[in-house]
Amino acid sequence: MSHVPLAATAQTSPNASRFGATDTAGGLHETKRMGWRDRFASITPIAQAAMLTVAYALVERLCEALGVETLGAPAGFVLLLLLLLSGRLPVAWVAGGGKWLIGLSTLFLIPAMVAVAPAWPILRADWVPLTVIIVGGTVLTMLATAWSVEATCRWMEGRR
């Protein structure tokens, strides 16, 4: 019986790695098949952002239905944090969408600027203190967010 390498008998397809095989220099090798969790983690950041938005809307409706006197966003953030810390929600499922939303966060300020523009004659007299407050508040918010994200990442890395 002659020995024929697997690479010589198997044909590779563009989807070989998707179905659990990888083509290397040594031939076709079996790898672990992707489970539904791995496939879910590989969806696009836009789809992840859409799911985060739907989750926000559901938490908002849940807060209204339960009569909780809070907005859906803080309740959703707490729920998301608890799910991530408990390991029930893998970070890979929301990381891409979260990064995409954060990258677009400056666009969320445009409606506020459009709303303030008609009031410029009233605000003209106090533009210096308002600018200091807005810029200072923005810088402090960015610093606090950066510090808390960095501290959380270090804490989560220490748990691994």
Protein backbone atom coordinates (compact mmCIF):
# COMPACT_ATOMS: atom_id res chain seq x y z
CA MET A 1 0.00 0.00 0.00
CA SER A 2 1.54 3.31 -1.02
CA HIS A 3 1.48 6.34 1.22
CA VAL A 4 -0.25 9.33 -0.45
CA PRO A 5 -0.17 12.63 1.43
CA LEU A 6 -3.52 14.12 2.37
CA ALA A 7 -2.68 17.29 0.45
CA ALA A 8 -2.39 15.31 -2.77
CA THR A 9 -5.79 13.66 -2.39
CA ALA A 10 -7.84 16.52 -0.97
CA GLN A 11 -8.93 19.57 -2.87
CA THR A 12 -9.00 22.85 -1.01
CA SER A 13 -11.75 25.34 -1.48
CA PRO A 14 -11.85 29.03 -0.62
CA ASN A 15 -14.04 28.10 2.35
CA ALA A 16 -11.76 25.34 3.66
CA SER A 17 -10.89 27.21 6.86
CA ARG A 18 -14.56 28.06 7.40
CA PHE A 19 -15.45 24.38 7.48
CA GLY A 20 -12.67 23.30 9.80
CA ALA A 21 -9.66 22.66 7.56
CA THR A 22 -6.57 24.71 6.89
CA ASP A 23 -4.26 24.43 3.92
CA THR A 24 -0.62 24.70 4.97
CA ALA A 25 2.68 23.84 3.29
CA GLY A 26 2.48 20.36 4.83
CA GLY A 27 -0.96 19.65 3.44
CA LEU A 28 -4.55 19.88 4.53
CA HIS A 29 -4.93 19.63 8.29
CA GLU A 30 -8.09 19.23 10.29
CA THR A 31 -8.80 21.97 12.81
CA LYS A 32 -11.56 22.57 15.29
CA ARG A 33 -14.85 23.33 13.60
CA MET A 34 -16.23 26.81 14.25
CA GLY A 35 -19.10 26.71 16.72
CA TRP A 36 -22.01 29.13 16.79
CA ARG A 37 -20.25 31.27 19.41
CA ASP A 38 -17.21 31.70 17.16
CA ARG A 39 -19.37 32.49 14.16
CA PHE A 40 -21.37 35.01 16.21
CA ALA A 41 -18.14 36.71 17.29
CA SER A 42 -17.05 37.06 13.66
CA ILE A 43 -20.01 39.19 12.53
CA THR A 44 -19.31 42.68 11.27
CA PRO A 45 -18.96 45.63 13.65
CA ILE A 46 -21.98 47.29 12.03
CA ALA A 47 -24.13 44.25 12.86
CA GLN A 48 -22.73 44.25 16.42
CA ALA A 49 -23.56 47.96 16.72
CA ALA A 50 -27.07 47.27 15.45
CA MET A 51 -27.51 44.54 18.07
CA LEU A 52 -26.27 46.91 20.80
CA THR A 53 -28.80 49.48 19.59
CA VAL A 54 -31.62 46.93 19.67
CA ALA A 55 -30.53 45.84 23.15
CA TYR A 56 -30.62 49.50 24.25
CA ALA A 57 -34.16 49.90 22.91
CA LEU A 58 -35.28 46.70 24.68
CA VAL A 59 -33.78 47.82 28.01
CA GLU A 60 -35.42 51.24 27.57
CA ARG A 61 -38.83 49.57 27.05
CA LEU A 62 -38.20 47.21 29.97
CA CYS A 63 -37.45 50.15 32.28
CA GLU A 64 -40.66 51.83 31.16
CA ALA A 65 -42.71 48.66 31.63
CA LEU A 66 -41.31 48.04 35.12
CA GLY A 67 -41.78 51.67 36.11
CA VAL A 68 -38.08 52.10 36.89
CA GLU A 69 -37.23 55.79 37.21
CA THR A 70 -34.07 55.67 35.09
CA LEU A 71 -33.17 55.94 31.46
CA GLY A 72 -32.43 52.82 29.48
CA ALA A 73 -28.81 53.79 28.75
CA PRO A 74 -27.47 53.64 32.35
CA ALA A 75 -29.47 50.47 33.05
CA GLY A 76 -28.20 48.96 29.79
CA PHE A 77 -24.59 49.85 30.60
CA VAL A 78 -24.88 48.21 34.02
CA LEU A 79 -26.49 45.12 32.47
CA LEU A 80 -23.79 44.98 29.77
CA LEU A 81 -21.05 45.33 32.40
CA LEU A 82 -22.54 42.53 34.51
CA LEU A 83 -22.86 40.23 31.48
CA LEU A 84 -19.26 40.93 30.42
CA LEU A 85 -17.82 40.47 33.91
CA SER A 86 -19.73 37.25 34.48
CA GLY A 87 -18.47 35.82 31.18
CA ARG A 88 -22.00 35.18 29.89
CA LEU A 89 -21.36 37.71 27.10
CA PRO A 90 -17.97 37.28 25.40
CA VAL A 91 -16.18 40.56 24.71
CA ALA A 92 -15.65 39.53 21.08
CA TRP A 93 -19.42 39.65 20.54
CA VAL A 94 -19.58 43.42 21.18
CA ALA A 95 -16.01 44.73 20.82
CA GLY A 96 -16.15 45.63 17.13
CA GLY A 97 -19.56 47.29 17.37
CA GLY A 98 -18.58 49.21 20.50
CA LYS A 99 -15.38 50.49 18.87
CA TRP A 100 -17.34 51.50 15.78
CA LEU A 101 -19.92 53.42 17.85
CA ILE A 102 -17.21 55.15 19.88
CA GLY A 103 -15.49 56.16 16.64
CA LEU A 104 -18.72 57.82 15.50
CA SER A 105 -19.49 59.44 18.85
CA THR A 106 -18.44 62.92 17.70
CA LEU A 107 -21.28 62.82 15.18
CA PHE A 108 -23.71 62.63 18.09
CA LEU A 109 -22.69 66.19 19.07
CA ILE A 110 -23.84 67.74 15.79
CA PRO A 111 -27.56 67.91 16.74
CA ALA A 112 -26.64 69.72 19.98
CA MET A 113 -24.63 72.32 18.05
CA VAL A 114 -27.47 72.82 15.57
CA ALA A 115 -29.87 73.39 18.47
CA VAL A 116 -27.55 75.97 20.10
CA ALA A 117 -26.80 77.93 16.91
CA PRO A 118 -30.10 79.91 16.85
CA ALA A 119 -29.45 81.05 20.45
CA TRP A 120 -26.07 82.63 19.58
CA PRO A 121 -27.25 86.25 20.14
CA ILE A 122 -28.21 85.35 23.71
CA LEU A 123 -25.03 83.34 24.36
CA ARG A 124 -22.65 85.91 22.83
CA ALA A 125 -22.24 87.81 26.10
CA ASP A 126 -21.18 84.69 28.03
CA TRP A 127 -19.24 82.77 25.37
CA VAL A 128 -15.92 82.70 27.28
CA PRO A 129 -17.19 81.01 30.47
CA LEU A 130 -19.41 78.69 28.41
CA THR A 131 -16.45 77.68 26.24
CA VAL A 132 -14.29 77.02 29.31
CA ILE A 133 -17.05 74.92 30.85
CA ILE A 134 -17.71 72.95 27.66
CA VAL A 135 -14.05 72.33 26.80
CA GLY A 136 -13.11 71.62 30.44
CA GLY A 137 -16.05 69.28 30.89
CA THR A 138 -15.23 67.47 27.66
CA VAL A 139 -11.57 67.04 28.63
CA LEU A 140 -12.49 65.83 32.13
CA THR A 141 -15.03 63.38 30.70
CA MET A 142 -12.50 62.03 28.21
CA LEU A 143 -9.86 61.64 30.94
CA ALA A 144 -12.28 59.90 33.31
CA THR A 145 -13.46 57.58 30.53
CA ALA A 146 -9.92 56.75 29.44
CA TRP A 147 -8.85 56.07 33.03
CA SER A 148 -11.84 53.85 33.77
CA VAL A 149 -11.47 51.88 30.53
CA GLU A 150 -7.75 51.39 31.15
CA ALA A 151 -8.35 50.32 34.76
CA THR A 152 -11.08 47.89 33.70
CA CYS A 153 -8.88 46.39 30.95
CA ARG A 154 -6.00 45.90 33.40
CA TRP A 155 -8.35 44.36 35.94
CA MET A 156 -9.83 41.98 33.35
CA GLU A 157 -6.34 41.00 32.10
CA GLY A 158 -5.38 40.22 35.70
CA ARG A 159 -8.34 37.83 35.97
CA ARG A 160 -7.11 35.72 33.03
